Amino acid sequence: MTKKRNRTRPALSLQERLDKFTQDARAAAKKLPPGAERHAMLQKVRDGEAASEMERALSSPAPEAPK
């Protein structure tokens, strides 16, 4: 017997989830002391912001040229 797919939709849009991720990661980074762990968390924030910008650009009605 095959496993049924989960066909539920997320409560928040991708843009909202990315924004929440970056906010949570930034808050967690502020609580950490300077060091490798904090640097890794700030890298996740930058990655989330980049993903958010890419999603925003790709989902716009008239995509703009990259800057």
PDB file of N, CA and C in Angstrom:
ATOM      1  N   MET A   1       0.840  -1.168   0.000  1.00  0.00           N
ATOM      2  CA  MET A   1       0.000   0.000   0.000  1.00  0.00           C
ATOM      3  C   MET A   1       0.894   1.243   0.000  1.00  0.00           C
ATOM      4  N   THR A   2       0.516   2.234  -0.779  1.00  0.00           N
ATOM      5  CA  THR A   2       1.327   3.448  -0.847  1.00  0.00           C
ATOM      6  C   THR A   2       0.882   4.450   0.202  1.00  0.00           C
ATOM      7  N   LYS A   3       1.815   5.283   0.573  1.00  0.00           N
ATOM      8  CA  LYS A   3       1.556   6.305   1.576  1.00  0.00           C
ATOM      9  C   LYS A   3       0.839   7.491   0.929  1.00  0.00           C
ATOM     10  N   LYS A   4      -0.183   8.036   1.592  1.00  0.00           N
ATOM     11  CA  LYS A   4      -0.919   9.172   1.061  1.00  0.00           C
ATOM     12  C   LYS A   4      -0.109  10.452   1.232  1.00  0.00           C
ATOM     13  N   ARG A   5      -0.219  11.321   0.219  1.00  0.00           N
ATOM     14  CA  ARG A   5       0.466  12.612   0.287  1.00  0.00           C
ATOM     15  C   ARG A   5      -0.246  13.548   1.242  1.00  0.00           C
ATOM     16  N   ASN A   6       0.537  14.383   1.895  1.00  0.00           N
ATOM     17  CA  ASN A   6      -0.017  15.422   2.746  1.00  0.00           C
ATOM     18  C   ASN A   6      -0.437  16.581   1.835  1.00  0.00           C
ATOM     19  N   ARG A   7      -1.706  16.819   1.694  1.00  0.00           N
ATOM     20  CA  ARG A   7      -2.192  17.823   0.758  1.00  0.00           C
ATOM     21  C   ARG A   7      -2.702  19.087   1.454  1.00  0.00           C
ATOM     22  N   THR A   8      -2.209  19.370   2.614  1.00  0.00           N
ATOM     23  CA  THR A   8      -2.617  20.594   3.299  1.00  0.00           C
ATOM     24  C   THR A   8      -1.726  21.746   2.864  1.00  0.00           C
ATOM     25  N   ARG A   9      -2.280  22.918   2.866  1.00  0.00           N
ATOM     26  CA  ARG A   9      -1.518  24.112   2.503  1.00  0.00           C
ATOM     27  C   ARG A   9      -0.978  24.769   3.766  1.00  0.00           C
ATOM     28  N   PRO A  10       0.203  25.373   3.661  1.00  0.00           N
ATOM     29  CA  PRO A  10       0.744  26.081   4.831  1.00  0.00           C
ATOM     30  C   PRO A  10      -0.166  27.257   5.211  1.00  0.00           C
ATOM     31  N   ALA A  11      -0.215  27.543   6.489  1.00  0.00           N
ATOM     32  CA  ALA A  11      -1.057  28.643   6.969  1.00  0.00           C
ATOM     33  C   ALA A  11      -0.534  29.997   6.483  1.00  0.00           C
ATOM     34  N   LEU A  12       0.779  30.125   6.360  1.00  0.00           N
ATOM     35  CA  LEU A  12       1.388  31.384   5.934  1.00  0.00           C
ATOM     36  C   LEU A  12       1.975  31.228   4.532  1.00  0.00           C
ATOM     37  N   SER A  13       2.063  32.335   3.815  1.00  0.00           N
ATOM     38  CA  SER A  13       2.675  32.303   2.494  1.00  0.00           C
ATOM     39  C   SER A  13       4.185  32.104   2.632  1.00  0.00           C
ATOM     40  N   LEU A  14       4.840  31.781   1.527  1.00  0.00           N
ATOM     41  CA  LEU A  14       6.287  31.591   1.559  1.00  0.00           C
ATOM     42  C   LEU A  14       6.982  32.864   2.021  1.00  0.00           C
ATOM     43  N   GLN A  15       6.539  34.004   1.524  1.00  0.00           N
ATOM     44  CA  GLN A  15       7.146  35.281   1.907  1.00  0.00           C
ATOM     45  C   GLN A  15       7.018  35.516   3.411  1.00  0.00           C
ATOM     46  N   GLU A  16       5.859  35.222   3.969  1.00  0.00           N
ATOM     47  CA  GLU A  16       5.650  35.405   5.407  1.00  0.00           C
ATOM     48  C   GLU A  16       6.513  34.433   6.212  1.00  0.00           C
ATOM     49  N   ARG A  17       6.644  33.204   5.737  1.00  0.00           N
ATOM     50  CA  ARG A  17       7.487  32.227   6.444  1.00  0.00           C
ATOM     51  C   ARG A  17       8.957  32.623   6.392  1.00  0.00           C
ATOM     52  N   LEU A  18       9.416  33.124   5.248  1.00  0.00           N
ATOM     53  CA  LEU A  18      10.806  33.573   5.146  1.00  0.00           C
ATOM     54  C   LEU A  18      11.065  34.764   6.061  1.00  0.00           C
ATOM     55  N   ASP A  19      10.126  35.718   6.105  1.00  0.00           N
ATOM     56  CA  ASP A  19      10.283  36.881   6.981  1.00  0.00           C
ATOM     57  C   ASP A  19      10.323  36.460   8.454  1.00  0.00           C
ATOM     58  N   LYS A  20       9.449  35.531   8.830  1.00  0.00           N
ATOM     59  CA  LYS A  20       9.426  35.053  10.211  1.00  0.00           C
ATOM     60  C   LYS A  20      10.729  34.333  10.551  1.00  0.00           C
ATOM     61  N   PHE A  21      11.242  33.531   9.610  1.00  0.00           N
ATOM     62  CA  PHE A  21      12.501  32.823   9.833  1.00  0.00           C
ATOM     63  C   PHE A  21      13.633  33.811  10.086  1.00  0.00           C
ATOM     64  N   THR A  22      13.726  34.860   9.257  1.00  0.00           N
ATOM     65  CA  THR A  22      14.820  35.815   9.425  1.00  0.00           C
ATOM     66  C   THR A  22      14.685  36.581  10.736  1.00  0.00           C
ATOM     67  N   GLN A  23      13.467  36.927  11.115  1.00  0.00           N
ATOM     68  CA  GLN A  23      13.264  37.632  12.388  1.00  0.00           C
ATOM     69  C   GLN A  23      13.678  36.743  13.563  1.00  0.00           C
ATOM     70  N   ASP A  24      13.257  35.478  13.531  1.00  0.00           N
ATOM     71  CA  ASP A  24      13.596  34.552  14.619  1.00  0.00           C
ATOM     72  C   ASP A  24      15.108  34.299  14.681  1.00  0.00           C
ATOM     73  N   ALA A  25      15.728  34.130  13.520  1.00  0.00           N
ATOM     74  CA  ALA A  25      17.170  33.880  13.490  1.00  0.00           C
ATOM     75  C   ALA A  25      17.942  35.098  13.976  1.00  0.00           C
ATOM     76  N   ARG A  26      17.493  36.294  13.606  1.00  0.00           N
ATOM     77  CA  ARG A  26      18.164  37.517  14.059  1.00  0.00           C
ATOM     78  C   ARG A  26      18.033  37.662  15.575  1.00  0.00           C
ATOM     79  N   ALA A  27      16.861  37.352  16.113  1.00  0.00           N
ATOM     80  CA  ALA A  27      16.662  37.433  17.566  1.00  0.00           C
ATOM     81  C   ALA A  27      17.551  36.416  18.288  1.00  0.00           C
ATOM     82  N   ALA A  28      17.669  35.225  17.723  1.00  0.00           N
ATOM     83  CA  ALA A  28      18.519  34.201  18.335  1.00  0.00           C
ATOM     84  C   ALA A  28      19.986  34.611  18.275  1.00  0.00           C
ATOM     85  N   ALA A  29      20.402  35.246  17.184  1.00  0.00           N
ATOM     86  CA  ALA A  29      21.797  35.677  17.044  1.00  0.00           C
ATOM     87  C   ALA A  29      22.139  36.768  18.056  1.00  0.00           C
ATOM     88  N   LYS A  30      21.184  37.635  18.357  1.00  0.00           N
ATOM     89  CA  LYS A  30      21.440  38.708  19.328  1.00  0.00           C
ATOM     90  C   LYS A  30      21.694  38.152  20.718  1.00  0.00           C
ATOM     91  N   LYS A  31      21.118  36.987  21.012  1.00  0.00           N
ATOM     92  CA  LYS A  31      21.273  36.390  22.340  1.00  0.00           C
ATOM     93  C   LYS A  31      22.603  35.652  22.497  1.00  0.00           C
ATOM     94  N   LEU A  32      23.260  35.353  21.370  1.00  0.00           N
ATOM     95  CA  LEU A  32      24.506  34.588  21.428  1.00  0.00           C
ATOM     96  C   LEU A  32      25.710  35.502  21.620  1.00  0.00           C
ATOM     97  N   PRO A  33      26.743  35.016  22.297  1.00  0.00           N
ATOM     98  CA  PRO A  33      27.984  35.790  22.417  1.00  0.00           C
ATOM     99  C   PRO A  33      28.725  35.751  21.080  1.00  0.00           C
ATOM    100  N   PRO A  34      29.591  36.747  20.835  1.00  0.00           N
ATOM    101  CA  PRO A  34      30.360  36.733  19.589  1.00  0.00           C
ATOM    102  C   PRO A  34      31.144  35.427  19.453  1.00  0.00           C
ATOM    103  N   GLY A  35      31.157  34.891  18.263  1.00  0.00           N
ATOM    104  CA  GLY A  35      31.870  33.639  18.033  1.00  0.00           C
ATOM    105  C   GLY A  35      31.345  32.935  16.794  1.00  0.00           C
ATOM    106  N   ALA A  36      31.764  31.694  16.625  1.00  0.00           N
ATOM    107  CA  ALA A  36      31.427  30.919  15.434  1.00  0.00           C
ATOM    108  C   ALA A  36      29.929  30.634  15.350  1.00  0.00           C
ATOM    109  N   GLU A  37      29.311  30.328  16.486  1.00  0.00           N
ATOM    110  CA  GLU A  37      27.883  30.005  16.483  1.00  0.00           C
ATOM    111  C   GLU A  37      27.050  31.221  16.075  1.00  0.00           C
ATOM    112  N   ARG A  38      27.413  32.383  16.599  1.00  0.00           N
ATOM    113  CA  ARG A  38      26.695  33.612  16.232  1.00  0.00           C
ATOM    114  C   ARG A  38      26.920  33.947  14.758  1.00  0.00           C
ATOM    115  N   HIS A  39      28.138  33.762  14.283  1.00  0.00           N
ATOM    116  CA  HIS A  39      28.444  34.014  12.880  1.00  0.00           C
ATOM    117  C   HIS A  39      27.599  33.113  11.975  1.00  0.00           C
ATOM    118  N   ALA A  40      27.458  31.841  12.350  1.00  0.00           N
ATOM    119  CA  ALA A  40      26.651  30.905  11.569  1.00  0.00           C
ATOM    120  C   ALA A  40      25.180  31.328  11.562  1.00  0.00           C
ATOM    121  N   MET A  41      24.690  31.820  12.696  1.00  0.00           N
ATOM    122  CA  MET A  41      23.298  32.262  12.772  1.00  0.00           C
ATOM    123  C   MET A  41      23.081  33.505  11.913  1.00  0.00           C
ATOM    124  N   LEU A  42      24.034  34.425  11.925  1.00  0.00           N
ATOM    125  CA  LEU A  42      23.915  35.623  11.086  1.00  0.00           C
ATOM    126  C   LEU A  42      23.999  35.264   9.602  1.00  0.00           C
ATOM    127  N   GLN A  43      24.732  34.205   9.273  1.00  0.00           N
ATOM    128  CA  GLN A  43      24.772  33.734   7.883  1.00  0.00           C
ATOM    129  C   GLN A  43      23.400  33.199   7.471  1.00  0.00           C
ATOM    130  N   LYS A  44      22.718  32.527   8.386  1.00  0.00           N
ATOM    131  CA  LYS A  44      21.364  32.054   8.102  1.00  0.00           C
ATOM    132  C   LYS A  44      20.416  33.229   7.877  1.00  0.00           C
ATOM    133  N   VAL A  45      20.612  34.305   8.629  1.00  0.00           N
ATOM    134  CA  VAL A  45      19.786  35.516   8.439  1.00  0.00           C
ATOM    135  C   VAL A  45      20.012  36.063   7.038  1.00  0.00           C
ATOM    136  N   ARG A  46      21.283  36.178   6.630  1.00  0.00           N
ATOM    137  CA  ARG A  46      21.575  36.687   5.281  1.00  0.00           C
ATOM    138  C   ARG A  46      21.007  35.775   4.204  1.00  0.00           C
ATOM    139  N   ASP A  47      21.092  34.472   4.405  1.00  0.00           N
ATOM    140  CA  ASP A  47      20.527  33.526   3.444  1.00  0.00           C
ATOM    141  C   ASP A  47      19.011  33.677   3.355  1.00  0.00           C
ATOM    142  N   GLY A  48      18.362  33.847   4.500  1.00  0.00           N
ATOM    143  CA  GLY A  48      16.911  34.040   4.514  1.00  0.00           C
ATOM    144  C   GLY A  48      16.501  35.322   3.822  1.00  0.00           C
ATOM    145  N   GLU A  49      17.268  36.383   4.035  1.00  0.00           N
ATOM    146  CA  GLU A  49      16.966  37.657   3.369  1.00  0.00           C
ATOM    147  C   GLU A  49      17.149  37.541   1.863  1.00  0.00           C
ATOM    148  N   ALA A  50      18.185  36.833   1.435  1.00  0.00           N
ATOM    149  CA  ALA A  50      18.420  36.638  -0.003  1.00  0.00           C
ATOM    150  C   ALA A  50      17.296  35.814  -0.619  1.00  0.00           C
ATOM    151  N   ALA A  51      16.872  34.768   0.071  1.00  0.00           N
ATOM    152  CA  ALA A  51      15.774  33.933  -0.427  1.00  0.00           C
ATOM    153  C   ALA A  51      14.487  34.743  -0.508  1.00  0.00           C
ATOM    154  N   SER A  52      14.269  35.603   0.476  1.00  0.00           N
ATOM    155  CA  SER A  52      13.080  36.444   0.482  1.00  0.00           C
ATOM    156  C   SER A  52      13.077  37.407  -0.701  1.00  0.00           C
ATOM    157  N   GLU A  53      14.225  37.999  -0.981  1.00  0.00           N
ATOM    158  CA  GLU A  53      14.322  38.912  -2.126  1.00  0.00           C
ATOM    159  C   GLU A  53      14.131  38.171  -3.440  1.00  0.00           C
ATOM    160  N   MET A  54      14.700  36.970  -3.557  1.00  0.00           N
ATOM    161  CA  MET A  54      14.520  36.182  -4.780  1.00  0.00           C
ATOM    162  C   MET A  54      13.060  35.817  -4.986  1.00  0.00           C
ATOM    163  N   GLU A  55      12.401  35.394  -3.915  1.00  0.00           N
ATOM    164  CA  GLU A  55      10.993  35.016  -4.018  1.00  0.00           C
ATOM    165  C   GLU A  55      10.151  36.215  -4.406  1.00  0.00           C
ATOM    166  N   ARG A  56      10.445  37.373  -3.822  1.00  0.00           N
ATOM    167  CA  ARG A  56       9.704  38.592  -4.136  1.00  0.00           C
ATOM    168  C   ARG A  56       9.889  38.974  -5.602  1.00  0.00           C
ATOM    169  N   ALA A  57      11.110  38.866  -6.097  1.00  0.00           N
ATOM    170  CA  ALA A  57      11.391  39.220  -7.490  1.00  0.00           C
ATOM    171  C   ALA A  57      10.725  38.237  -8.454  1.00  0.00           C
ATOM    172  N   LEU A  58      10.762  36.957  -8.120  1.00  0.00           N
ATOM    173  CA  LEU A  58      10.189  35.949  -9.019  1.00  0.00           C
ATOM    174  C   LEU A  58       8.662  35.952  -9.020  1.00  0.00           C
ATOM    175  N   SER A  59       8.056  36.383  -7.922  1.00  0.00           N
ATOM    176  CA  SER A  59       6.600  36.358  -7.850  1.00  0.00           C
ATOM    177  C   SER A  59       5.959  37.670  -8.286  1.00  0.00           C
ATOM    178  N   SER A  60       6.751  38.674  -8.600  1.00  0.00           N
ATOM    179  CA  SER A  60       6.188  39.953  -9.044  1.00  0.00           C
ATOM    180  C   SER A  60       5.633  39.807 -10.449  1.00  0.00           C
ATOM    181  N   PRO A  61       4.607  40.572 -10.796  1.00  0.00           N
ATOM    182  CA  PRO A  61       3.992  40.457 -12.125  1.00  0.00           C
ATOM    183  C   PRO A  61       4.957  40.773 -13.267  1.00  0.00           C
ATOM    184  N   ALA A  62       5.793  41.768 -13.109  1.00  0.00           N
ATOM    185  CA  ALA A  62       6.767  42.135 -14.134  1.00  0.00           C
ATOM    186  C   ALA A  62       8.150  42.062 -13.504  1.00  0.00           C
ATOM    187  N   PRO A  63       8.830  40.926 -13.641  1.00  0.00           N
ATOM    188  CA  PRO A  63      10.148  40.787 -13.004  1.00  0.00           C
ATOM    189  C   PRO A  63      11.131  41.849 -13.472  1.00  0.00           C
ATOM    190  N   GLU A  64      11.896  42.363 -12.518  1.00  0.00           N
ATOM    191  CA  GLU A  64      12.912  43.363 -12.817  1.00  0.00           C
ATOM    192  C   GLU A  64      14.228  42.672 -13.116  1.00  0.00           C
ATOM    193  N   ALA A  65      15.086  43.373 -13.806  1.00  0.00           N
ATOM    194  CA  ALA A  65      16.422  42.845 -14.068  1.00  0.00           C
ATOM    195  C   ALA A  65      17.214  42.850 -12.764  1.00  0.00           C
ATOM    196  N   PRO A  66      18.074  41.860 -12.543  1.00  0.00           N
ATOM    197  CA  PRO A  66      18.883  41.840 -11.324  1.00  0.00           C
ATOM    198  C   PRO A  66      19.792  43.057 -11.246  1.00  0.00           C
ATOM    199  N   LYS A  67      20.027  43.525 -10.029  1.00  0.00           N
ATOM    200  CA  LYS A  67      20.876  44.719  -9.820  1.00  0.00           C
ATOM    201  C   LYS A  67      22.309  44.312  -9.649  1.00  0.00           C
TER     202      LYS A  67
END
